[in-house]
Protein backbone atom coordinates (compact mmCIF):
# COMPACT_ATOMS: atom_id res chain seq x y z
CA UNK A 1 -0.03 0.01 0.01
CA UNK A 2 1.41 3.39 -0.94
CA UNK A 3 1.85 6.33 1.43
CA UNK A 4 -1.03 8.20 -0.30
CA UNK A 5 -3.35 5.21 0.05
CA UNK A 6 -2.47 4.97 3.78
CA UNK A 7 -3.25 8.64 4.14
CA UNK A 8 -6.62 8.23 2.30
CA UNK A 9 -7.48 5.18 4.47
CA UNK A 10 -6.69 7.30 7.52
CA UNK A 11 -9.11 10.03 6.62
CA UNK A 12 -11.87 7.47 5.94
CA UNK A 13 -11.09 5.85 9.33
CA UNK A 14 -11.43 9.21 11.09
CA UNK A 15 -14.89 9.78 9.55
CA UNK A 16 -15.91 6.26 10.37
CA UNK A 17 -14.84 6.37 13.96
CA UNK A 18 -16.48 9.82 14.58
CA UNK A 19 -19.72 8.40 13.05
CA UNK A 20 -19.47 5.58 15.61
CA UNK A 21 -19.25 8.13 18.40
CA UNK A 22 -15.66 7.47 19.37
CA UNK A 23 -14.30 10.61 21.07
CA UNK A 24 -12.64 12.98 18.72
CA UNK A 25 -9.33 13.32 20.48
CA UNK A 26 -8.90 9.53 20.75
CA UNK A 27 -9.83 9.09 17.09
CA UNK A 28 -7.33 11.67 15.85
CA UNK A 29 -4.52 10.41 18.07
CA UNK A 30 -5.01 6.73 17.29
CA UNK A 31 -5.46 7.13 13.50
CA UNK A 32 -2.48 9.41 13.23
CA UNK A 33 -0.28 7.15 15.28
CA UNK A 34 -1.14 4.02 13.29
CA UNK A 35 -0.94 5.88 9.96
CA UNK A 36 2.61 7.13 10.71
CA UNK A 37 3.49 3.65 11.89
CA UNK A 38 2.29 2.31 8.55
CA UNK A 39 4.40 4.85 6.70
CA UNK A 40 7.64 5.15 8.65
CA UNK A 41 7.60 2.32 11.16
CA UNK A 42 6.87 2.16 14.89
CA UNK A 43 9.91 4.27 15.87
CA UNK A 44 8.67 7.20 13.77
CA UNK A 45 5.14 6.85 15.28
CA UNK A 46 6.49 6.56 18.83
CA UNK A 47 8.75 9.53 18.26
CA UNK A 48 5.83 11.71 17.16
CA UNK A 49 3.72 10.57 20.18
CA UNK A 50 6.51 11.21 22.67
CA UNK A 51 7.45 14.64 21.42
CA UNK A 52 4.19 16.29 20.35
CA UNK A 53 2.34 16.27 23.71
CA UNK A 54 5.26 17.98 25.46
CA UNK A 55 5.60 20.54 22.62
CA UNK A 56 1.93 21.27 22.66
CA UNK A 57 1.54 21.69 26.40
CA UNK A 58 4.76 23.77 26.55
CA UNK A 59 3.32 26.22 24.02
CA UNK A 60 3.40 29.69 25.56
CA UNK A 61 0.66 30.96 23.29
CA UNK A 62 -1.72 28.04 24.19
CA UNK A 63 -1.44 28.90 27.92
CA UNK A 64 -3.97 31.75 27.27
CA UNK A 65 -6.71 29.00 26.96
CA UNK A 66 -6.71 27.83 30.63
CA UNK A 67 -6.33 31.37 31.85
CA UNK A 68 -9.28 32.76 29.94
CA UNK A 69 -11.35 29.66 30.95
CA UNK A 70 -10.40 30.24 34.57
CA UNK A 71 -11.46 33.86 34.32
CA UNK A 72 -14.84 32.90 32.81
CA UNK A 73 -15.57 30.18 35.43
CA UNK A 74 -14.60 32.52 38.27
CA UNK A 75 -16.90 35.20 36.95
CA UNK A 76 -19.68 32.64 36.71
CA UNK A 77 -19.35 31.00 40.09
CA UNK A 78 -18.45 34.16 41.89
CA UNK A 79 -21.55 35.83 40.44
CA UNK A 80 -19.80 38.77 38.89
CA UNK A 81 -22.13 38.79 35.90
CA UNK A 82 -25.52 38.76 37.65
CA UNK A 83 -26.22 42.44 36.90
CA UNK A 84 -25.77 42.15 33.13
CA UNK A 85 -29.31 41.03 32.27
CA UNK A 86 -31.03 43.37 34.79
CA UNK A 87 -29.22 46.42 33.27
CA UNK A 88 -30.08 45.35 29.66
CA UNK A 89 -33.69 44.70 30.71
CA UNK A 90 -34.27 48.08 32.19
CA UNK A 91 -32.73 49.88 29.12
CA UNK A 92 -34.49 47.89 26.42
CA UNK A 93 -37.75 46.94 28.09
CA UNK A 94 -39.82 49.49 26.14
CA UNK A 95 -38.83 47.91 22.70
CA UNK A 96 -40.92 45.16 21.15
CA UNK A 97 -39.40 41.99 22.58
CA UNK A 98 -37.39 44.00 24.99
CA UNK A 99 -36.49 41.13 27.31
CA UNK A 100 -35.27 39.01 24.36
CA UNK A 101 -33.18 42.01 23.08
CA UNK A 102 -31.83 42.32 26.70
CA UNK A 103 -30.78 38.70 26.52
CA UNK A 104 -28.82 39.23 23.26
CA UNK A 105 -26.87 42.14 24.84
CA UNK A 106 -26.49 40.33 28.11
CA UNK A 107 -24.92 37.39 26.34
CA UNK A 108 -22.59 39.77 24.37
CA UNK A 109 -21.38 41.33 27.68
CA UNK A 110 -20.89 37.90 29.20
CA UNK A 111 -19.10 36.76 26.03
CA UNK A 112 -16.54 39.56 26.55
CA UNK A 113 -15.23 37.90 29.80
CA UNK A 114 -15.66 34.20 29.09
CA UNK A 115 -15.06 33.40 25.39
CA UNK A 116 -17.34 30.27 25.78
CA UNK A 117 -20.59 29.74 24.05
CA UNK A 118 -21.73 27.05 26.44
CA UNK A 119 -21.05 29.27 29.40
CA UNK A 120 -23.12 32.11 27.88
CA UNK A 121 -26.05 29.89 27.18
CA UNK A 122 -25.95 28.22 30.65
CA UNK A 123 -25.40 31.37 32.73
CA UNK A 124 -27.81 33.74 30.90
CA UNK A 125 -30.43 30.94 30.45
CA UNK A 126 -30.93 30.52 34.14
CA UNK A 127 -31.64 34.23 34.50
CA UNK A 128 -33.42 35.34 31.22
CA UNK A 129 -35.63 32.40 30.26
CA UNK A 130 -37.63 32.33 33.55
CA UNK A 131 -37.96 36.09 33.37
CA UNK A 132 -39.37 35.96 29.79
CA UNK A 133 -41.72 33.09 30.71
CA UNK A 134 -42.94 35.12 33.70
CA UNK A 135 -43.87 37.96 31.25
CA UNK A 136 -45.65 35.44 28.99
CA UNK A 137 -43.15 35.43 26.13
CA UNK A 138 -43.47 32.80 23.42
CA UNK A 139 -41.44 29.80 24.67
CA UNK A 140 -39.76 29.23 21.32
CA UNK A 141 -38.76 32.88 21.05
CA UNK A 142 -37.36 32.96 24.60
CA UNK A 143 -35.37 29.72 24.45
CA UNK A 144 -34.26 30.27 20.72
CA UNK A 145 -32.91 33.69 21.58
CA UNK A 146 -30.74 32.35 24.49
CA UNK A 147 -29.41 29.37 22.58
CA UNK A 148 -28.46 31.42 19.59
CA UNK A 149 -27.10 34.38 21.55
CA UNK A 150 -24.77 32.13 23.36
CA UNK A 151 -22.86 31.59 20.10
CA UNK A 152 -21.62 35.16 20.28
CA UNK A 153 -19.16 33.90 22.96
CA UNK A 154 -16.92 32.46 20.24
CA UNK A 155 -16.66 35.74 18.33
CA UNK A 156 -16.36 38.61 20.85
CA UNK A 157 -12.88 38.42 22.45
CA UNK A 158 -11.57 36.61 24.38
CA UNK A 159 -12.56 33.68 22.21
CA UNK A 160 -11.32 30.19 22.85
CA UNK A 161 -11.84 28.96 19.24
CA UNK A 162 -9.95 32.00 17.95
CA UNK A 163 -7.02 31.24 20.32
CA UNK A 164 -6.95 27.61 19.13
CA UNK A 165 -7.05 28.71 15.48
CA UNK A 166 -4.25 31.23 16.03
CA UNK A 167 -2.01 28.45 17.44
CA UNK A 168 -2.77 26.06 14.56
CA UNK A 169 -2.49 28.68 11.77
CA UNK A 170 0.40 30.57 13.41
CA UNK A 171 -1.17 34.02 13.15
CA UNK A 172 -1.68 36.84 15.58
CA UNK A 173 -4.32 36.10 18.24
CA UNK A 174 -4.62 39.92 18.92
CA UNK A 175 -5.53 40.48 15.35
CA UNK A 176 -8.02 37.58 15.43
CA UNK A 177 -9.65 39.14 18.53
CA UNK A 178 -9.92 42.45 16.73
CA UNK A 179 -11.48 40.73 13.69
CA UNK A 180 -13.97 38.93 15.94
CA UNK A 181 -15.36 42.22 17.26
CA UNK A 182 -16.92 43.22 13.95
CA UNK A 183 -18.57 39.87 13.31
CA UNK A 184 -19.71 39.54 16.97
CA UNK A 185 -21.41 42.91 16.93
CA UNK A 186 -22.93 42.24 13.48
CA UNK A 187 -24.28 38.87 14.79
CA UNK A 188 -25.80 40.58 17.89
CA UNK A 189 -27.50 43.26 15.87
CA UNK A 190 -28.82 40.64 13.35
CA UNK A 191 -30.46 38.77 16.23
CA UNK A 192 -31.94 42.03 17.59
CA UNK A 193 -33.37 42.74 14.11
CA UNK A 194 -34.90 39.26 13.95
CA UNK A 195 -36.59 39.88 17.36
CA UNK A 196 -37.81 43.34 16.44
CA UNK A 197 -39.34 42.14 13.09
CA UNK A 198 -40.95 39.10 14.65
CA UNK A 199 -42.46 40.82 17.69
CA UNK A 200 -43.58 43.80 15.64
CA UNK A 201 -45.39 41.58 13.16
CA UNK A 202 -46.74 39.36 15.93
CA UNK A 203 -46.96 41.24 19.25
CA UNK A 204 -48.40 38.12 20.95
CA UNK A 205 -44.91 36.57 20.85
CA UNK A 206 -43.61 39.16 23.37
CA UNK A 207 -46.21 41.21 25.30
CA UNK A 208 -45.18 44.72 26.06
CA UNK A 209 -43.99 45.31 29.63
CA UNK A 210 -46.34 47.59 31.62
CA UNK A 211 -43.72 48.52 34.21
CA UNK A 212 -41.51 51.52 33.43
CA UNK A 213 -38.12 52.08 35.03
CA UNK A 214 -36.94 55.53 35.97
CA UNK A 215 -33.73 56.98 34.73
CA UNK A 216 -32.27 56.63 38.27
CA UNK A 217 -33.11 52.89 38.25
CA UNK A 218 -31.49 52.54 34.86
CA UNK A 219 -28.31 54.27 35.99
CA UNK A 220 -28.13 52.20 39.15
CA UNK A 221 -28.51 49.07 37.16
CA UNK A 222 -25.61 50.06 34.92
CA UNK A 223 -23.52 50.78 38.02
CA UNK A 224 -24.10 47.18 39.23
CA UNK A 225 -22.37 45.88 36.15
CA UNK A 226 -19.06 47.49 37.28
CA UNK A 227 -17.27 44.07 37.80
CA UNK A 228 -17.90 43.16 34.10
CA UNK A 229 -16.88 46.64 32.93
CA UNK A 230 -13.71 46.58 35.02
CA UNK A 231 -12.79 43.18 33.59
CA UNK A 232 -13.43 44.27 29.98
CA UNK A 233 -11.44 47.51 30.29
CA UNK A 234 -8.61 45.75 32.16
CA UNK A 235 -8.22 42.84 29.88
CA UNK A 236 -9.16 44.14 26.47
CA UNK A 237 -8.02 47.67 27.13
CA UNK A 238 -4.56 46.42 28.14
CA UNK A 239 -4.39 43.87 25.34
CA UNK A 240 -5.34 46.22 22.51
CA UNK A 241 -3.40 49.09 24.11
CA UNK A 242 -0.19 47.08 23.91
CA UNK A 243 0.36 46.76 27.71
CA UNK A 244 0.54 42.94 27.47
CA UNK A 245 0.21 40.19 24.89
CA UNK A 246 -2.91 38.02 24.23
CA UNK A 247 -1.30 35.11 26.21
CA UNK A 248 -0.54 37.40 29.22
CA UNK A 249 -4.10 38.92 28.95
CA UNK A 250 -5.63 35.60 30.20
CA UNK A 251 -3.51 35.63 33.38
CA UNK A 252 -4.24 39.24 33.97
CA UNK A 253 -7.98 38.53 33.52
CA UNK A 254 -7.94 35.66 35.88
CA UNK A 255 -6.12 37.66 38.50
CA UNK A 256 -8.54 40.59 38.09
CA UNK A 257 -11.50 38.26 38.46
CA UNK A 258 -10.04 36.89 41.76
CA UNK A 259 -9.40 40.37 43.04
CA UNK A 260 -12.85 41.69 42.17
CA UNK A 261 -14.62 38.67 43.54
CA UNK A 262 -12.59 39.04 46.77
CA UNK A 263 -13.59 42.66 47.30
CA UNK A 264 -17.19 41.85 46.46
CA UNK A 265 -17.00 38.99 49.07
CA UNK A 266 -18.41 36.53 46.57
CA UNK A 267 -15.24 34.46 46.23
CA UNK A 268 -15.63 31.42 48.47
CA UNK A 269 -13.52 28.36 48.81
CA UNK A 270 -16.25 26.37 47.03
CA UNK A 271 -16.62 28.76 44.09
CA UNK A 272 -12.86 28.97 43.64
CA UNK A 273 -12.52 25.16 43.83
CA UNK A 274 -15.25 24.55 41.29
CA UNK A 275 -13.73 27.17 38.98
CA UNK A 276 -10.31 25.47 38.98
CA UNK A 277 -11.78 21.97 38.60
CA UNK A 278 -13.96 22.92 35.64
CA UNK A 279 -11.02 24.74 34.01
CA UNK A 280 -8.85 21.55 34.39
CA UNK A 281 -11.55 19.30 32.99
CA UNK A 282 -12.28 21.66 29.98
CA UNK A 283 -8.64 22.12 29.30
CA UNK A 284 -7.88 18.44 29.37
CA UNK A 285 -10.58 17.72 26.73
CA UNK A 286 -9.60 20.62 24.51
CA UNK A 287 -5.86 19.85 24.61
CA UNK A 288 -6.36 16.24 23.70
CA UNK A 289 -8.26 17.28 20.57
CA UNK A 290 -5.57 19.88 19.73
CA UNK A 291 -2.91 17.19 20.07
CA UNK A 292 -4.88 14.84 17.83
CA UNK A 293 -5.31 17.55 15.23
CA UNK A 294 -1.54 18.43 15.34
CA UNK A 295 -0.72 14.77 14.84
CA UNK A 296 -3.21 14.42 11.96
CA UNK A 297 -1.56 17.43 10.28
CA UNK A 298 1.81 15.63 10.39
CA UNK A 299 0.28 12.38 9.22
CA UNK A 300 -1.46 14.00 6.23
CA UNK A 301 1.70 15.82 5.25
CA UNK A 302 3.86 12.82 5.56
CA UNK A 303 1.47 10.62 3.52
CA UNK A 304 1.11 13.16 0.78
CA UNK A 305 -2.67 13.60 1.21
CA UNK A 306 -2.35 17.36 1.97
CA UNK A 307 -0.39 17.88 -1.18
CA UNK A 308 -2.74 15.80 -3.25
CA UNK A 309 -5.70 17.84 -2.10
CA UNK A 310 -3.90 21.10 -2.90
CA UNK A 311 -3.01 19.86 -6.41
CA UNK A 312 -6.59 18.75 -6.93
CA UNK A 313 -7.80 22.22 -6.01
CA UNK A 314 -5.36 23.79 -8.49
CA UNK A 315 -6.57 21.49 -11.26
CA UNK A 316 -10.20 22.42 -10.53
CA UNK A 317 -9.21 26.13 -10.51
CA UNK A 318 -11.93 26.89 -8.03
CA UNK A 319 -12.67 30.60 -7.51
CA UNK A 320 -12.21 31.96 -3.92
CA UNK A 321 -15.91 32.47 -3.62
CA UNK A 322 -16.84 28.98 -4.67
CA UNK A 323 -14.08 27.63 -2.35
CA UNK A 324 -15.55 29.52 0.55
CA UNK A 325 -19.12 28.33 -0.24
CA UNK A 326 -17.83 24.77 -0.28
CA UNK A 327 -16.07 25.24 3.04
CA UNK A 328 -19.25 26.77 4.49
CA UNK A 329 -21.27 23.68 3.47
CA UNK A 330 -18.69 21.38 4.96
CA UNK A 331 -18.76 23.23 8.31
CA UNK A 332 -22.50 23.41 8.39
CA UNK A 333 -22.61 19.63 7.78
CA UNK A 334 -20.00 18.86 10.43
CA UNK A 335 -21.74 21.18 12.83
CA UNK A 336 -24.67 18.88 12.88
CA UNK A 337 -22.56 16.19 14.53
CA UNK A 338 -19.41 17.60 15.98
CA UNK A 339 -18.62 20.28 18.73
CA UNK A 340 -16.93 23.44 17.32
CA UNK A 341 -13.28 22.92 18.26
CA UNK A 342 -13.32 19.33 17.01
CA UNK A 343 -14.84 20.29 13.67
CA UNK A 344 -12.35 23.11 13.32
CA UNK A 345 -9.31 21.14 14.15
CA UNK A 346 -10.25 18.12 11.95
CA UNK A 347 -10.59 20.37 8.82
CA UNK A 348 -7.88 23.02 9.28
CA UNK A 349 -5.04 20.71 8.08
CA UNK A 350 -6.98 20.38 4.82
CA UNK A 351 -8.35 23.84 4.37
CA UNK A 352 -5.42 26.00 5.38
CA UNK A 353 -3.25 25.06 2.32
CA UNK A 354 -6.20 25.75 0.11
CA UNK A 355 -6.79 29.12 1.68
CA UNK A 356 -3.08 29.94 1.08
CA UNK A 357 -3.36 29.01 -2.58
CA UNK A 358 -6.49 31.18 -2.93
CA UNK A 359 -4.43 34.01 -1.32
CA UNK A 360 -7.07 34.75 1.28
CA UNK A 361 -6.12 36.45 4.51
CA UNK A 362 -5.65 33.94 7.30
CA UNK A 363 -6.89 36.43 9.94
CA UNK A 364 -10.11 36.81 7.96
CA UNK A 365 -10.42 33.11 7.48
CA UNK A 366 -9.98 32.40 11.20
CA UNK A 367 -12.87 34.66 12.20
CA UNK A 368 -14.95 33.22 9.25
CA UNK A 369 -14.37 29.64 10.59
CA UNK A 370 -15.25 30.68 14.19
CA UNK A 371 -18.56 31.98 12.87
CA UNK A 372 -19.16 28.79 10.95
CA UNK A 373 -18.44 26.39 13.74
CA UNK A 374 -20.55 28.38 16.12
CA UNK A 375 -23.59 28.00 13.86
CA UNK A 376 -23.18 24.31 14.50
CA UNK A 377 -23.86 24.95 18.19
CA UNK A 378 -27.57 25.47 17.30
CA UNK A 379 -28.06 22.96 14.41
CA UNK A 380 -29.75 19.59 15.11
CA UNK A 381 -29.17 16.81 15.96
CA UNK A 382 -26.22 17.79 18.10
CA UNK A 383 -26.61 21.46 18.80
CA UNK A 384 -24.61 21.72 21.99
CA UNK A 385 -26.03 25.11 23.11
CA UNK A 386 -29.56 23.75 22.65
CA UNK A 387 -28.84 20.73 25.00
CA UNK A 388 -26.99 22.92 27.50
CA UNK A 389 -29.91 25.32 27.67
CA UNK A 390 -32.44 22.48 27.90
CA UNK A 391 -30.58 20.96 30.82
CA UNK A 392 -30.12 24.33 32.49
CA UNK A 393 -33.75 25.34 32.54
CA UNK A 394 -35.10 21.81 33.23
CA UNK A 395 -38.41 20.60 31.88
CA UNK A 396 -39.61 24.11 30.85
CA UNK A 397 -38.81 23.40 27.18
CA UNK A 398 -37.86 20.19 25.31
CA UNK A 399 -34.92 20.26 22.93
CA UNK A 400 -37.16 19.89 19.74
CA UNK A 401 -39.04 23.07 20.78
CA UNK A 402 -35.69 25.01 21.25
CA UNK A 403 -34.45 23.78 17.87
CA UNK A 404 -37.64 25.29 16.29
CA UNK A 405 -37.00 28.46 18.22
CA UNK A 406 -33.52 28.89 16.79
CA UNK A 407 -34.52 28.52 13.12
CA UNK A 408 -35.03 32.36 12.61
CA UNK A 409 -31.62 33.00 14.11
CA UNK A 410 -30.00 30.33 11.95
CA UNK A 411 -31.33 32.19 8.89
CA UNK A 412 -29.84 35.42 10.30
CA UNK A 413 -26.47 33.59 10.72
CA UNK A 414 -26.46 32.53 7.14
CA UNK A 415 -27.07 36.13 6.13
CA UNK A 416 -24.20 37.27 8.17
CA UNK A 417 -21.92 34.68 6.58
CA UNK A 418 -22.88 35.90 3.16
CA UNK A 419 -22.21 39.44 4.24
CA UNK A 420 -18.76 38.72 5.54
CA UNK A 421 -17.88 36.92 2.27
CA UNK A 422 -19.21 39.82 0.18
CA UNK A 423 -17.58 42.51 2.38
CA UNK A 424 -14.42 41.16 4.02
CA UNK A 425 -13.80 44.52 5.75
CA UNK A 426 -16.48 43.62 8.27
CA UNK A 427 -13.76 41.39 9.74
CA UNK A 428 -10.62 43.24 8.65
CA UNK A 429 -11.44 46.81 9.63
CA UNK A 430 -10.44 46.58 13.22
CA UNK A 431 -7.23 44.54 12.60
CA UNK A 432 -6.09 46.96 9.94
CA UNK A 433 -6.93 49.99 11.98
CA UNK A 434 -5.66 48.94 15.41
CA UNK A 435 -3.62 45.76 14.70
């Protein structure tokens, strides 16, 4: 069997094992190890397996992941974000669907200190969904809004998927963060537009609130969000102001979260312990997948599959737009079955060479991929945000109802994807201006 045939068999094996529900990290590591063994012998395979984990864990850039995760879990368990939804509710309650709009902006604010879609959906779901149900909001609108708005966590910095992409593609994480701002804001406003249109055409979906907040109450509500504001200014302000790197920003953010929670007297031994434990568990699962993807890249390069795919793309002479449409379809399909980081890391070894040949900007492509994989968080049958929200709110809404609720937001996401393909400056404006 030739090296190329071994590489092709490896790719088929990856797809088959994932379809059989074998964990992605184990699939990638085992297939890559056996594939390199088949090409270069057991010494080459063992050499790769013995060197790559240490090289990966010792990566200075990748250390930002556990630090940002720790910051997010500390904010969640120490209740530093509890005032976000209340402030947004008081400011937007007079608009049609005001509570749903408040949920979108609450998730956007939460995203700016966690970088996790799942954390956004879980934390804000506990607060916002019961509040909307109490005011007789349509259940599909209420749950669909929260499940979709959670995806903003992967776009507005700090974003864990963007950090992972930056490590794999070897590009500036700071510029990726800047690029994510434009798409994150565009996504948030597209969701708000969906809510406004639907509730204006059908007011029964979201009855207007009769209570009216005074200006004093609105100002006081904003003041209660000071922990979030302080973290955003401290982390993102220092990062984009050049005071520290994106890697150091995670450590600064985690330290700031500890200090703020200590002075608010919400940092207990239990909350700190849970934050550390959840950070370790999440990092362990993420790093195994990253290791597997790194090994897969080496295997595909060694077997010649990566070069064969690049040559095939050159023969086809595919236009950049058609290439991006094809990539979009691949990610939308994978999003139906895989979690975002897994889908991203499986495909990047194949797609990055093609993007290089098409002479597309890798910063732009990173944000584009982050948007695509996050759409998978709300697509059936394995929409992770939908299942997280369903488990968070209990028996209030079954998963099939939430999936129906996110349909309108899915349409908005597809429109946003089309817009960033048509107008790349939506992503590149901030990196070119401030990068």
